[in-house]
Amino acid sequence: MSPYDIIIKPVLTEKSFDGIGSKTYTFIVAKNATKTEIKKAIEEIFGVEVKRVNTINSLGKIRRMGRTEGRRPSTKKAYVTLLENSKGIEFFDSMVQ
Protein backbone atom coordinates (compact mmCIF):
# COMPACT_ATOMS: atom_id res chain seq x y z
CA MET A 1 0.00 0.00 0.00
CA SER A 2 1.30 3.43 -0.95
CA PRO A 3 1.84 6.07 1.78
CA TYR A 4 -0.64 8.26 -0.10
CA ASP A 5 -3.27 5.51 0.25
CA ILE A 6 -2.75 5.42 4.02
CA ILE A 7 -2.91 9.17 4.71
CA ILE A 8 -6.24 10.39 3.32
CA LYS A 9 -6.39 14.04 4.44
CA PRO A 10 -5.39 16.38 7.29
CA VAL A 11 -7.92 17.44 9.90
CA LEU A 12 -8.27 21.22 10.03
CA THR A 13 -10.21 22.02 13.20
CA GLU A 14 -9.70 24.28 16.18
CA LYS A 15 -8.59 21.36 18.34
CA SER A 16 -6.06 20.16 15.74
CA PHE A 17 -4.59 23.67 15.46
CA ASP A 18 -4.06 23.76 19.24
CA GLY A 19 -1.77 20.73 18.97
CA ILE A 20 0.54 22.26 16.37
CA GLY A 21 2.53 24.10 19.06
CA SER A 22 3.44 20.77 20.68
CA LYS A 23 4.12 19.19 17.25
CA THR A 24 0.99 17.04 17.29
CA TYR A 25 -0.79 16.78 13.93
CA THR A 26 -4.11 15.13 13.09
CA PHE A 27 -4.94 13.13 9.95
CA ILE A 28 -7.78 11.02 8.60
CA VAL A 29 -6.22 7.66 7.68
CA ALA A 30 -7.28 4.40 6.04
CA LYS A 31 -9.40 2.21 8.35
CA ASN A 32 -7.14 -0.82 7.99
CA ALA A 33 -3.85 1.08 8.55
CA THR A 34 -1.75 0.18 11.59
CA LYS A 35 0.20 2.63 13.74
CA THR A 36 3.49 1.42 12.25
CA GLU A 37 2.22 1.93 8.69
CA ILE A 38 0.96 5.42 9.59
CA LYS A 39 4.34 6.32 11.12
CA LYS A 40 6.26 5.18 8.04
CA ALA A 41 3.84 7.00 5.70
CA ILE A 42 4.16 10.32 7.58
CA GLU A 43 7.95 10.05 7.69
CA GLU A 44 8.11 9.28 3.97
CA ILE A 45 5.64 11.93 2.78
CA PHE A 46 6.74 14.86 4.96
CA GLY A 47 10.37 13.96 5.77
CA VAL A 48 9.97 14.26 9.56
CA GLU A 49 10.74 12.01 12.56
CA VAL A 50 7.68 10.61 14.36
CA LYS A 51 7.75 10.03 18.11
CA ARG A 52 4.37 8.30 18.49
CA VAL A 53 1.02 7.71 16.81
CA ASN A 54 -2.33 7.52 18.61
CA THR A 55 -5.39 6.37 16.69
CA ILE A 56 -9.14 6.59 17.24
CA ASN A 57 -12.00 4.95 15.35
CA SER A 58 -15.10 7.13 15.21
CA LEU A 59 -18.49 5.76 14.25
CA GLY A 60 -20.44 7.79 11.69
CA LYS A 61 -23.28 9.97 12.96
CA ILE A 62 -26.84 8.83 12.41
CA ARG A 63 -28.61 11.06 9.89
CA ARG A 64 -32.32 11.11 9.17
CA MET A 65 -33.70 11.68 5.72
CA GLY A 66 -37.46 11.81 6.09
CA ARG A 67 -38.54 8.52 7.62
CA THR A 68 -35.36 6.61 6.91
CA GLU A 69 -32.17 6.69 8.89
CA GLY A 70 -28.66 6.32 7.59
CA ARG A 71 -25.12 6.84 8.80
CA ARG A 72 -22.31 9.05 7.71
CA PRO A 73 -19.14 7.12 6.90
CA SER A 74 -17.05 5.89 9.83
CA THR A 75 -13.49 7.23 9.96
CA LYS A 76 -10.15 6.55 11.60
CA LYS A 77 -8.15 9.49 12.95
CA ALA A 78 -4.43 9.49 13.75
CA TYR A 79 -2.78 11.92 16.15
CA VAL A 80 0.90 12.05 15.14
CA THR A 81 3.46 13.50 17.58
CA LEU A 82 6.87 14.46 16.21
CA LEU A 83 10.22 14.42 18.02
CA GLU A 84 11.33 17.71 19.58
CA ASN A 85 14.35 18.02 17.29
CA SER A 86 12.33 17.21 14.15
CA LYS A 87 11.19 19.95 11.81
CA GLY A 88 7.48 20.74 11.63
CA ILE A 89 5.13 19.89 8.78
CA GLU A 90 5.14 22.91 6.45
CA PHE A 91 1.50 22.45 5.40
CA PHE A 92 0.24 23.08 8.95
CA ASP A 93 2.89 25.64 9.88
CA SER A 94 1.94 27.87 6.94
CA MET A 95 -1.71 27.90 8.08
CA VAL A 96 -0.96 28.92 11.68
CA GLN A 97 1.04 32.06 10.83
PDB file of N, CA and C in Angstrom:
ATOM      1  N   MET A   1       0.837  -1.177   0.000  1.00  0.00           N
ATOM      2  CA  MET A   1       0.000   0.000   0.000  1.00  0.00           C
ATOM      3  C   MET A   1       0.885   1.243   0.000  1.00  0.00           C
ATOM      4  N   SER A   2       0.549   2.192  -0.830  1.00  0.00           N
ATOM      5  CA  SER A   2       1.304   3.433  -0.952  1.00  0.00           C
ATOM      6  C   SER A   2       1.066   4.327   0.272  1.00  0.00           C
ATOM      7  N   PRO A   3       2.055   5.142   0.653  1.00  0.00           N
ATOM      8  CA  PRO A   3       1.838   6.070   1.776  1.00  0.00           C
ATOM      9  C   PRO A   3       0.686   7.040   1.509  1.00  0.00           C
ATOM     10  N   TYR A   4       0.453   7.344   0.236  1.00  0.00           N
ATOM     11  CA  TYR A   4      -0.636   8.262  -0.102  1.00  0.00           C
ATOM     12  C   TYR A   4      -1.993   7.576  -0.025  1.00  0.00           C
ATOM     13  N   ASP A   5      -2.023   6.240   0.013  1.00  0.00           N
ATOM     14  CA  ASP A   5      -3.269   5.510   0.248  1.00  0.00           C
ATOM     15  C   ASP A   5      -3.582   5.440   1.736  1.00  0.00           C
ATOM     16  N   ILE A   6      -2.566   5.503   2.574  1.00  0.00           N
ATOM     17  CA  ILE A   6      -2.753   5.415   4.023  1.00  0.00           C
ATOM     18  C   ILE A   6      -3.228   6.750   4.590  1.00  0.00           C
ATOM     19  N   ILE A   7      -2.549   7.842   4.226  1.00  0.00           N
ATOM     20  CA  ILE A   7      -2.914   9.172   4.706  1.00  0.00           C
ATOM     21  C   ILE A   7      -3.942   9.754   3.743  1.00  0.00           C
ATOM     22  N   ILE A   8      -5.177   9.921   4.200  1.00  0.00           N
ATOM     23  CA  ILE A   8      -6.243  10.386   3.316  1.00  0.00           C
ATOM     24  C   ILE A   8      -6.278  11.914   3.256  1.00  0.00           C
ATOM     25  N   LYS A   9      -6.368  12.580   4.434  1.00  0.00           N
ATOM     26  CA  LYS A   9      -6.387  14.044   4.444  1.00  0.00           C
ATOM     27  C   LYS A   9      -6.078  14.556   5.847  1.00  0.00           C
ATOM     28  N   PRO A  10      -5.612  15.793   5.960  1.00  0.00           N
ATOM     29  CA  PRO A  10      -5.391  16.379   7.289  1.00  0.00           C
ATOM     30  C   PRO A  10      -6.713  16.852   7.887  1.00  0.00           C
ATOM     31  N   VAL A  11      -6.746  16.922   9.201  1.00  0.00           N
ATOM     32  CA  VAL A  11      -7.922  17.437   9.902  1.00  0.00           C
ATOM     33  C   VAL A  11      -7.637  18.884  10.261  1.00  0.00           C
ATOM     34  N   LEU A  12      -8.478  19.791   9.807  1.00  0.00           N
ATOM     35  CA  LEU A  12      -8.271  21.220  10.026  1.00  0.00           C
ATOM     36  C   LEU A  12      -9.386  21.765  10.925  1.00  0.00           C
ATOM     37  N   THR A  13      -9.229  21.536  12.231  1.00  0.00           N
ATOM     38  CA  THR A  13     -10.208  22.016  13.203  1.00  0.00           C
ATOM     39  C   THR A  13      -9.485  22.847  14.256  1.00  0.00           C
ATOM     40  N   GLU A  14     -10.273  23.467  15.122  1.00  0.00           N
ATOM     41  CA  GLU A  14      -9.703  24.282  16.178  1.00  0.00           C
ATOM     42  C   GLU A  14      -8.841  23.425  17.115  1.00  0.00           C
ATOM     43  N   LYS A  15      -9.330  22.248  17.435  1.00  0.00           N
ATOM     44  CA  LYS A  15      -8.592  21.356  18.337  1.00  0.00           C
ATOM     45  C   LYS A  15      -7.278  20.895  17.699  1.00  0.00           C
ATOM     46  N   SER A  16      -7.300  20.610  16.396  1.00  0.00           N
ATOM     47  CA  SER A  16      -6.064  20.165  15.744  1.00  0.00           C
ATOM     48  C   SER A  16      -5.046  21.296  15.654  1.00  0.00           C
ATOM     49  N   PHE A  17      -5.508  22.540  15.503  1.00  0.00           N
ATOM     50  CA  PHE A  17      -4.585  23.671  15.455  1.00  0.00           C
ATOM     51  C   PHE A  17      -3.953  23.931  16.818  1.00  0.00           C
ATOM     52  N   ASP A  18      -4.641  23.598  17.912  1.00  0.00           N
ATOM     53  CA  ASP A  18      -4.058  23.764  19.243  1.00  0.00           C
ATOM     54  C   ASP A  18      -2.868  22.834  19.464  1.00  0.00           C
ATOM     55  N   GLY A  19      -2.852  21.686  18.801  1.00  0.00           N
ATOM     56  CA  GLY A  19      -1.768  20.727  18.973  1.00  0.00           C
ATOM     57  C   GLY A  19      -0.528  21.037  18.171  1.00  0.00           C
ATOM     58  N   ILE A  20      -0.602  21.968  17.231  1.00  0.00           N
ATOM     59  CA  ILE A  20       0.544  22.260  16.370  1.00  0.00           C
ATOM     60  C   ILE A  20       1.720  22.810  17.175  1.00  0.00           C
ATOM     61  N   GLY A  21       1.450  23.564  18.216  1.00  0.00           N
ATOM     62  CA  GLY A  21       2.527  24.100  19.055  1.00  0.00           C
ATOM     63  C   GLY A  21       3.344  23.013  19.721  1.00  0.00           C
ATOM     64  N   SER A  22       2.722  21.902  20.065  1.00  0.00           N
ATOM     65  CA  SER A  22       3.439  20.774  20.682  1.00  0.00           C
ATOM     66  C   SER A  22       3.795  19.703  19.655  1.00  0.00           C
ATOM     67  N   LYS A  23       3.773  20.069  18.370  1.00  0.00           N
ATOM     68  CA  LYS A  23       4.123  19.195  17.250  1.00  0.00           C
ATOM     69  C   LYS A  23       3.251  17.936  17.195  1.00  0.00           C
ATOM     70  N   THR A  24       1.955  18.120  17.423  1.00  0.00           N
ATOM     71  CA  THR A  24       0.986  17.038  17.286  1.00  0.00           C
ATOM     72  C   THR A  24       0.062  17.394  16.131  1.00  0.00           C
ATOM     73  N   TYR A  25      -0.010  16.535  15.134  1.00  0.00           N
ATOM     74  CA  TYR A  25      -0.788  16.778  13.928  1.00  0.00           C
ATOM     75  C   TYR A  25      -1.851  15.690  13.784  1.00  0.00           C
ATOM     76  N   THR A  26      -2.986  16.045  13.194  1.00  0.00           N
ATOM     77  CA  THR A  26      -4.113  15.125  13.090  1.00  0.00           C
ATOM     78  C   THR A  26      -4.421  14.841  11.626  1.00  0.00           C
ATOM     79  N   PHE A  27      -4.638  13.554  11.316  1.00  0.00           N
ATOM     80  CA  PHE A  27      -4.935  13.127   9.952  1.00  0.00           C
ATOM     81  C   PHE A  27      -6.076  12.117   9.953  1.00  0.00           C
ATOM     82  N   ILE A  28      -6.860  12.110   8.873  1.00  0.00           N
ATOM     83  CA  ILE A  28      -7.784  11.017   8.599  1.00  0.00           C
ATOM     84  C   ILE A  28      -6.974   9.967   7.831  1.00  0.00           C
ATOM     85  N   VAL A  29      -7.030   8.722   8.292  1.00  0.00           N
ATOM     86  CA  VAL A  29      -6.220   7.664   7.683  1.00  0.00           C
ATOM     87  C   VAL A  29      -7.125   6.511   7.247  1.00  0.00           C
ATOM     88  N   ALA A  30      -6.545   5.579   6.489  1.00  0.00           N
ATOM     89  CA  ALA A  30      -7.283   4.396   6.040  1.00  0.00           C
ATOM     90  C   ALA A  30      -7.686   3.563   7.257  1.00  0.00           C
ATOM     91  N   LYS A  31      -8.873   2.965   7.203  1.00  0.00           N
ATOM     92  CA  LYS A  31      -9.395   2.213   8.350  1.00  0.00           C
ATOM     93  C   LYS A  31      -8.554   1.000   8.704  1.00  0.00           C
ATOM     94  N   ASN A  32      -7.916   0.387   7.717  1.00  0.00           N
ATOM     95  CA  ASN A  32      -7.142  -0.822   7.986  1.00  0.00           C
ATOM     96  C   ASN A  32      -5.662  -0.536   8.228  1.00  0.00           C
ATOM     97  N   ALA A  33      -5.258   0.721   8.347  1.00  0.00           N
ATOM     98  CA  ALA A  33      -3.850   1.083   8.550  1.00  0.00           C
ATOM     99  C   ALA A  33      -3.460   0.889  10.013  1.00  0.00           C
ATOM    100  N   THR A  34      -2.264   0.346  10.237  1.00  0.00           N
ATOM    101  CA  THR A  34      -1.751   0.182  11.595  1.00  0.00           C
ATOM    102  C   THR A  34      -0.923   1.408  11.982  1.00  0.00           C
ATOM    103  N   LYS A  35      -0.588   1.496  13.263  1.00  0.00           N
ATOM    104  CA  LYS A  35       0.201   2.631  13.737  1.00  0.00           C
ATOM    105  C   LYS A  35       1.580   2.659  13.079  1.00  0.00           C
ATOM    106  N   THR A  36       2.176   1.495  12.889  1.00  0.00           N
ATOM    107  CA  THR A  36       3.489   1.419  12.251  1.00  0.00           C
ATOM    108  C   THR A  36       3.422   1.893  10.811  1.00  0.00           C
ATOM    109  N   GLU A  37       2.387   1.495  10.077  1.00  0.00           N
ATOM    110  CA  GLU A  37       2.220   1.934   8.692  1.00  0.00           C
ATOM    111  C   GLU A  37       1.992   3.439   8.620  1.00  0.00           C
ATOM    112  N   ILE A  38       1.218   3.977   9.558  1.00  0.00           N
ATOM    113  CA  ILE A  38       0.957   5.421   9.588  1.00  0.00           C
ATOM    114  C   ILE A  38       2.261   6.172   9.853  1.00  0.00           C
ATOM    115  N   LYS A  39       3.064   5.683  10.800  1.00  0.00           N
ATOM    116  CA  LYS A  39       4.339   6.324  11.122  1.00  0.00           C
ATOM    117  C   LYS A  39       5.259   6.362   9.909  1.00  0.00           C
ATOM    118  N   LYS A  40       5.397   5.231   9.216  1.00  0.00           N
ATOM    119  CA  LYS A  40       6.261   5.178   8.038  1.00  0.00           C
ATOM    120  C   LYS A  40       5.746   6.090   6.928  1.00  0.00           C
ATOM    121  N   ALA A  41       4.425   6.155   6.758  1.00  0.00           N
ATOM    122  CA  ALA A  41       3.841   6.997   5.704  1.00  0.00           C
ATOM    123  C   ALA A  41       4.102   8.472   5.981  1.00  0.00           C
ATOM    124  N   ILE A  42       3.919   8.916   7.224  1.00  0.00           N
ATOM    125  CA  ILE A  42       4.158  10.322   7.580  1.00  0.00           C
ATOM    126  C   ILE A  42       5.626  10.669   7.391  1.00  0.00           C
ATOM    127  N   GLU A  43       6.516   9.788   7.835  1.00  0.00           N
ATOM    128  CA  GLU A  43       7.949  10.051   7.692  1.00  0.00           C
ATOM    129  C   GLU A  43       8.352  10.126   6.226  1.00  0.00           C
ATOM    130  N   GLU A  44       7.756   9.286   5.383  1.00  0.00           N
ATOM    131  CA  GLU A  44       8.111   9.282   3.968  1.00  0.00           C
ATOM    132  C   GLU A  44       7.530  10.488   3.222  1.00  0.00           C
ATOM    133  N   ILE A  45       6.294  10.831   3.507  1.00  0.00           N
ATOM    134  CA  ILE A  45       5.639  11.932   2.781  1.00  0.00           C
ATOM    135  C   ILE A  45       6.222  13.286   3.174  1.00  0.00           C
ATOM    136  N   PHE A  46       6.362  13.525   4.480  1.00  0.00           N
ATOM    137  CA  PHE A  46       6.741  14.861   4.957  1.00  0.00           C
ATOM    138  C   PHE A  46       8.207  14.985   5.340  1.00  0.00           C
ATOM    139  N   GLY A  47       8.953  13.897   5.426  1.00  0.00           N
ATOM    140  CA  GLY A  47      10.372  13.962   5.766  1.00  0.00           C
ATOM    141  C   GLY A  47      10.618  14.405   7.194  1.00  0.00           C
ATOM    142  N   VAL A  48       9.830  13.907   8.146  1.00  0.00           N
ATOM    143  CA  VAL A  48       9.971  14.259   9.557  1.00  0.00           C
ATOM    144  C   VAL A  48      10.211  12.986  10.366  1.00  0.00           C
ATOM    145  N   GLU A  49      10.528  13.149  11.669  1.00  0.00           N
ATOM    146  CA  GLU A  49      10.740  12.011  12.562  1.00  0.00           C
ATOM    147  C   GLU A  49       9.569  11.935  13.530  1.00  0.00           C
ATOM    148  N   VAL A  50       8.875  10.793  13.534  1.00  0.00           N
ATOM    149  CA  VAL A  50       7.680  10.614  14.356  1.00  0.00           C
ATOM    150  C   VAL A  50       8.049   9.984  15.687  1.00  0.00           C
ATOM    151  N   LYS A  51       7.529  10.573  16.767  1.00  0.00           N
ATOM    152  CA  LYS A  51       7.751  10.029  18.106  1.00  0.00           C
ATOM    153  C   LYS A  51       6.711   8.960  18.419  1.00  0.00           C
ATOM    154  N   ARG A  52       5.422   9.284  18.224  1.00  0.00           N
ATOM    155  CA  ARG A  52       4.370   8.299  18.486  1.00  0.00           C
ATOM    156  C   ARG A  52       3.127   8.606  17.671  1.00  0.00           C
ATOM    157  N   VAL A  53       2.276   7.597  17.552  1.00  0.00           N
ATOM    158  CA  VAL A  53       1.023   7.709  16.813  1.00  0.00           C
ATOM    159  C   VAL A  53      -0.095   7.171  17.696  1.00  0.00           C
ATOM    160  N   ASN A  54      -1.124   7.970  17.907  1.00  0.00           N
ATOM    161  CA  ASN A  54      -2.329   7.524  18.609  1.00  0.00           C
ATOM    162  C   ASN A  54      -3.462   7.515  17.600  1.00  0.00           C
ATOM    163  N   THR A  55      -4.302   6.475  17.643  1.00  0.00           N
ATOM    164  CA  THR A  55      -5.394   6.374  16.685  1.00  0.00           C
ATOM    165  C   THR A  55      -6.726   6.280  17.417  1.00  0.00           C
ATOM    166  N   ILE A  56      -7.786   6.675  16.711  1.00  0.00           N
ATOM    167  CA  ILE A  56      -9.135   6.588  17.243  1.00  0.00           C
ATOM    168  C   ILE A  56     -10.077   6.252  16.092  1.00  0.00           C
ATOM    169  N   ASN A  57     -10.965   5.291  16.317  1.00  0.00           N
ATOM    170  CA  ASN A  57     -11.999   4.950  15.349  1.00  0.00           C
ATOM    171  C   ASN A  57     -13.277   5.653  15.772  1.00  0.00           C
ATOM    172  N   SER A  58     -13.861   6.434  14.872  1.00  0.00           N
ATOM    173  CA  SER A  58     -15.103   7.126  15.205  1.00  0.00           C
ATOM    174  C   SER A  58     -16.226   6.611  14.308  1.00  0.00           C
ATOM    175  N   LEU A  59     -17.325   6.263  14.939  1.00  0.00           N
ATOM    176  CA  LEU A  59     -18.493   5.760  14.249  1.00  0.00           C
ATOM    177  C   LEU A  59     -19.226   6.926  13.599  1.00  0.00           C
ATOM    178  N   GLY A  60     -19.736   6.726  12.396  1.00  0.00           N
ATOM    179  CA  GLY A  60     -20.436   7.795  11.687  1.00  0.00           C
ATOM    180  C   GLY A  60     -21.724   8.188  12.392  1.00  0.00           C
ATOM    181  N   LYS A  61     -22.060   9.475  12.324  1.00  0.00           N
ATOM    182  CA  LYS A  61     -23.277   9.966  12.958  1.00  0.00           C
ATOM    183  C   LYS A  61     -24.526   9.445  12.244  1.00  0.00           C
ATOM    184  N   ILE A  62     -25.571   9.238  13.012  1.00  0.00           N
ATOM    185  CA  ILE A  62     -26.843   8.834  12.407  1.00  0.00           C
ATOM    186  C   ILE A  62     -27.514  10.075  11.826  1.00  0.00           C
ATOM    187  N   ARG A  63     -27.940   9.963  10.586  1.00  0.00           N
ATOM    188  CA  ARG A  63     -28.610  11.062   9.892  1.00  0.00           C
ATOM    189  C   ARG A  63     -29.988  10.594   9.461  1.00  0.00           C
ATOM    190  N   ARG A  64     -30.971  11.457   9.608  1.00  0.00           N
ATOM    191  CA  ARG A  64     -32.320  11.113   9.174  1.00  0.00           C
ATOM    192  C   ARG A  64     -32.650  11.841   7.892  1.00  0.00           C
ATOM    193  N   MET A  65     -33.237  11.107   6.974  1.00  0.00           N
ATOM    194  CA  MET A  65     -33.702  11.682   5.715  1.00  0.00           C
ATOM    195  C   MET A  65     -35.172  11.302   5.583  1.00  0.00           C
ATOM    196  N   GLY A  66     -36.054  12.166   6.073  1.00  0.00           N
ATOM    197  CA  GLY A  66     -37.461  11.811   6.092  1.00  0.00           C
ATOM    198  C   GLY A  66     -37.700  10.739   7.135  1.00  0.00           C
ATOM    199  N   ARG A  67     -38.259   9.622   6.692  1.00  0.00           N
ATOM    200  CA  ARG A  67     -38.542   8.523   7.619  1.00  0.00           C
ATOM    201  C   ARG A  67     -37.374   7.568   7.784  1.00  0.00           C
ATOM    202  N   THR A  68     -36.445   7.588   6.872  1.00  0.00           N
ATOM    203  CA  THR A  68     -35.358   6.613   6.907  1.00  0.00           C
ATOM    204  C   THR A  68     -34.138   7.190   7.610  1.00  0.00           C
ATOM    205  N   GLU A  69     -33.404   6.299   8.223  1.00  0.00           N
ATOM    206  CA  GLU A  69     -32.166   6.694   8.889  1.00  0.00           C
ATOM    207  C   GLU A  69     -30.981   6.084   8.155  1.00  0.00           C
ATOM    208  N   GLY A  70     -29.898   6.815   8.170  1.00  0.00           N
ATOM    209  CA  GLY A  70     -28.658   6.320   7.586  1.00  0.00           C
ATOM    210  C   GLY A  70     -27.500   6.795   8.432  1.00  0.00           C
ATOM    211  N   ARG A  71     -26.314   6.411   8.067  1.00  0.00           N
ATOM    212  CA  ARG A  71     -25.121   6.837   8.801  1.00  0.00           C
ATOM    213  C   ARG A  71     -24.144   7.526   7.866  1.00  0.00           C
ATOM    214  N   ARG A  72     -23.451   8.498   8.426  1.00  0.00           N
ATOM    215  CA  ARG A  72     -22.311   9.055   7.712  1.00  0.00           C
ATOM    216  C   ARG A  72     -21.203   8.013   7.762  1.00  0.00           C
ATOM    217  N   PRO A  73     -20.217   8.127   6.890  1.00  0.00           N
ATOM    218  CA  PRO A  73     -19.144   7.121   6.904  1.00  0.00           C
ATOM    219  C   PRO A  73     -18.338   7.159   8.206  1.00  0.00           C
ATOM    220  N   SER A  74     -17.938   5.988   8.678  1.00  0.00           N
ATOM    221  CA  SER A  74     -17.053   5.888   9.834  1.00  0.00           C
ATOM    222  C   SER A  74     -15.633   6.241   9.388  1.00  0.00           C
ATOM    223  N   THR A  75     -14.845   6.810  10.301  1.00  0.00           N
ATOM    224  CA  THR A  75     -13.490   7.230   9.959  1.00  0.00           C
ATOM    225  C   THR A  75     -12.508   6.763  11.028  1.00  0.00           C
ATOM    226  N   LYS A  76     -11.238   6.819  10.660  1.00  0.00           N
ATOM    227  CA  LYS A  76     -10.152   6.551  11.601  1.00  0.00           C
ATOM    228  C   LYS A  76      -9.247   7.772  11.597  1.00  0.00           C
ATOM    229  N   LYS A  77      -8.981   8.300  12.801  1.00  0.00           N
ATOM    230  CA  LYS A  77      -8.148   9.487  12.952  1.00  0.00           C
ATOM    231  C   LYS A  77      -6.828   9.100  13.592  1.00  0.00           C
ATOM    232  N   ALA A  78      -5.750   9.734  13.159  1.00  0.00           N
ATOM    233  CA  ALA A  78      -4.431   9.489  13.752  1.00  0.00           C
ATOM    234  C   ALA A  78      -3.874  10.805  14.282  1.00  0.00           C
ATOM    235  N   TYR A  79      -3.467  10.788  15.539  1.00  0.00           N
ATOM    236  CA  TYR A  79      -2.778  11.921  16.151  1.00  0.00           C
ATOM    237  C   TYR A  79      -1.296  11.592  16.134  1.00  0.00           C
ATOM    238  N   VAL A  80      -0.523  12.330  15.349  1.00  0.00           N
ATOM    239  CA  VAL A  80       0.899  12.051  15.142  1.00  0.00           C
ATOM    240  C   VAL A  80       1.717  13.087  15.903  1.00  0.00           C
ATOM    241  N   THR A  81       2.578  12.621  16.815  1.00  0.00           N
ATOM    242  CA  THR A  81       3.455  13.501  17.579  1.00  0.00           C
ATOM    243  C   THR A  81       4.871  13.342  17.045  1.00  0.00           C
ATOM    244  N   LEU A  82       5.516  14.472  16.740  1.00  0.00           N
ATOM    245  CA  LEU A  82       6.873  14.463  16.211  1.00  0.00           C
ATOM    246  C   LEU A  82       7.890  14.610  17.336  1.00  0.00           C
ATOM    247  N   LEU A  83       9.128  14.206  17.066  1.00  0.00           N
ATOM    248  CA  LEU A  83      10.220  14.415  18.020  1.00  0.00           C
ATOM    249  C   LEU A  83      10.496  15.905  18.170  1.00  0.00           C
ATOM    250  N   GLU A  84      11.062  16.292  19.321  1.00  0.00           N
ATOM    251  CA  GLU A  84      11.325  17.707  19.585  1.00  0.00           C
ATOM    252  C   GLU A  84      12.325  18.295  18.599  1.00  0.00           C
ATOM    253  N   ASN A  85      13.325  17.499  18.194  1.00  0.00           N
ATOM    254  CA  ASN A  85      14.354  18.019  17.288  1.00  0.00           C
ATOM    255  C   ASN A  85      13.955  17.892  15.818  1.00  0.00           C
ATOM    256  N   SER A  86      12.785  17.346  15.536  1.00  0.00           N
ATOM    257  CA  SER A  86      12.328  17.208  14.154  1.00  0.00           C
ATOM    258  C   SER A  86      11.725  18.523  13.673  1.00  0.00           C
ATOM    259  N   LYS A  87      11.825  18.748  12.366  1.00  0.00           N
ATOM    260  CA  LYS A  87      11.191  19.951  11.811  1.00  0.00           C
ATOM    261  C   LYS A  87       9.682  19.746  11.773  1.00  0.00           C
ATOM    262  N   GLY A  88       8.930  20.830  11.686  1.00  0.00           N
ATOM    263  CA  GLY A  88       7.476  20.741  11.626  1.00  0.00           C
ATOM    264  C   GLY A  88       7.000  20.424  10.223  1.00  0.00           C
ATOM    265  N   ILE A  89       5.722  20.138  10.084  1.00  0.00           N
ATOM    266  CA  ILE A  89       5.127  19.887   8.779  1.00  0.00           C
ATOM    267  C   ILE A  89       4.729  21.233   8.191  1.00  0.00           C
ATOM    268  N   GLU A  90       5.302  21.577   7.032  1.00  0.00           N
ATOM    269  CA  GLU A  90       5.137  22.911   6.451  1.00  0.00           C
ATOM    270  C   GLU A  90       3.679  23.232   6.141  1.00  0.00           C
ATOM    271  N   PHE A  91       2.904  22.224   5.761  1.00  0.00           N
ATOM    272  CA  PHE A  91       1.503  22.450   5.405  1.00  0.00           C
ATOM    273  C   PHE A  91       0.744  23.074   6.565  1.00  0.00           C
ATOM    274  N   PHE A  92       0.928  22.542   7.770  1.00  0.00           N
ATOM    275  CA  PHE A  92       0.238  23.077   8.950  1.00  0.00           C
ATOM    276  C   PHE A  92       0.870  24.375   9.422  1.00  0.00           C
ATOM    277  N   ASP A  93       2.204  24.451   9.385  1.00  0.00           N
ATOM    278  CA  ASP A  93       2.890  25.637   9.882  1.00  0.00           C
ATOM    279  C   ASP A  93       2.529  26.874   9.072  1.00  0.00           C
ATOM    280  N   SER A  94       2.303  26.725   7.778  1.00  0.00           N
ATOM    281  CA  SER A  94       1.942  27.872   6.945  1.00  0.00           C
ATOM    282  C   SER A  94       0.536  28.362   7.255  1.00  0.00           C
ATOM    283  N   MET A  95      -0.348  27.503   7.769  1.00  0.00           N
ATOM    284  CA  MET A  95      -1.713  27.902   8.079  1.00  0.00           C
ATOM    285  C   MET A  95      -1.810  28.635   9.412  1.00  0.00           C
ATOM    286  N   VAL A  96      -0.909  28.321  10.342  1.00  0.00           N
ATOM    287  CA  VAL A  96      -0.961  28.918  11.677  1.00  0.00           C
ATOM    288  C   VAL A  96      -0.510  30.378  11.648  1.00  0.00           C
ATOM    289  N   GLN A  97       0.465  30.712  10.828  1.00  0.00           N
ATOM    290  CA  GLN A  97       1.037  32.057  10.833  1.00  0.00           C
ATOM    291  C   GLN A  97       0.128  33.095  10.305  1.00  0.00           C
TER     292      GLN A  97
END
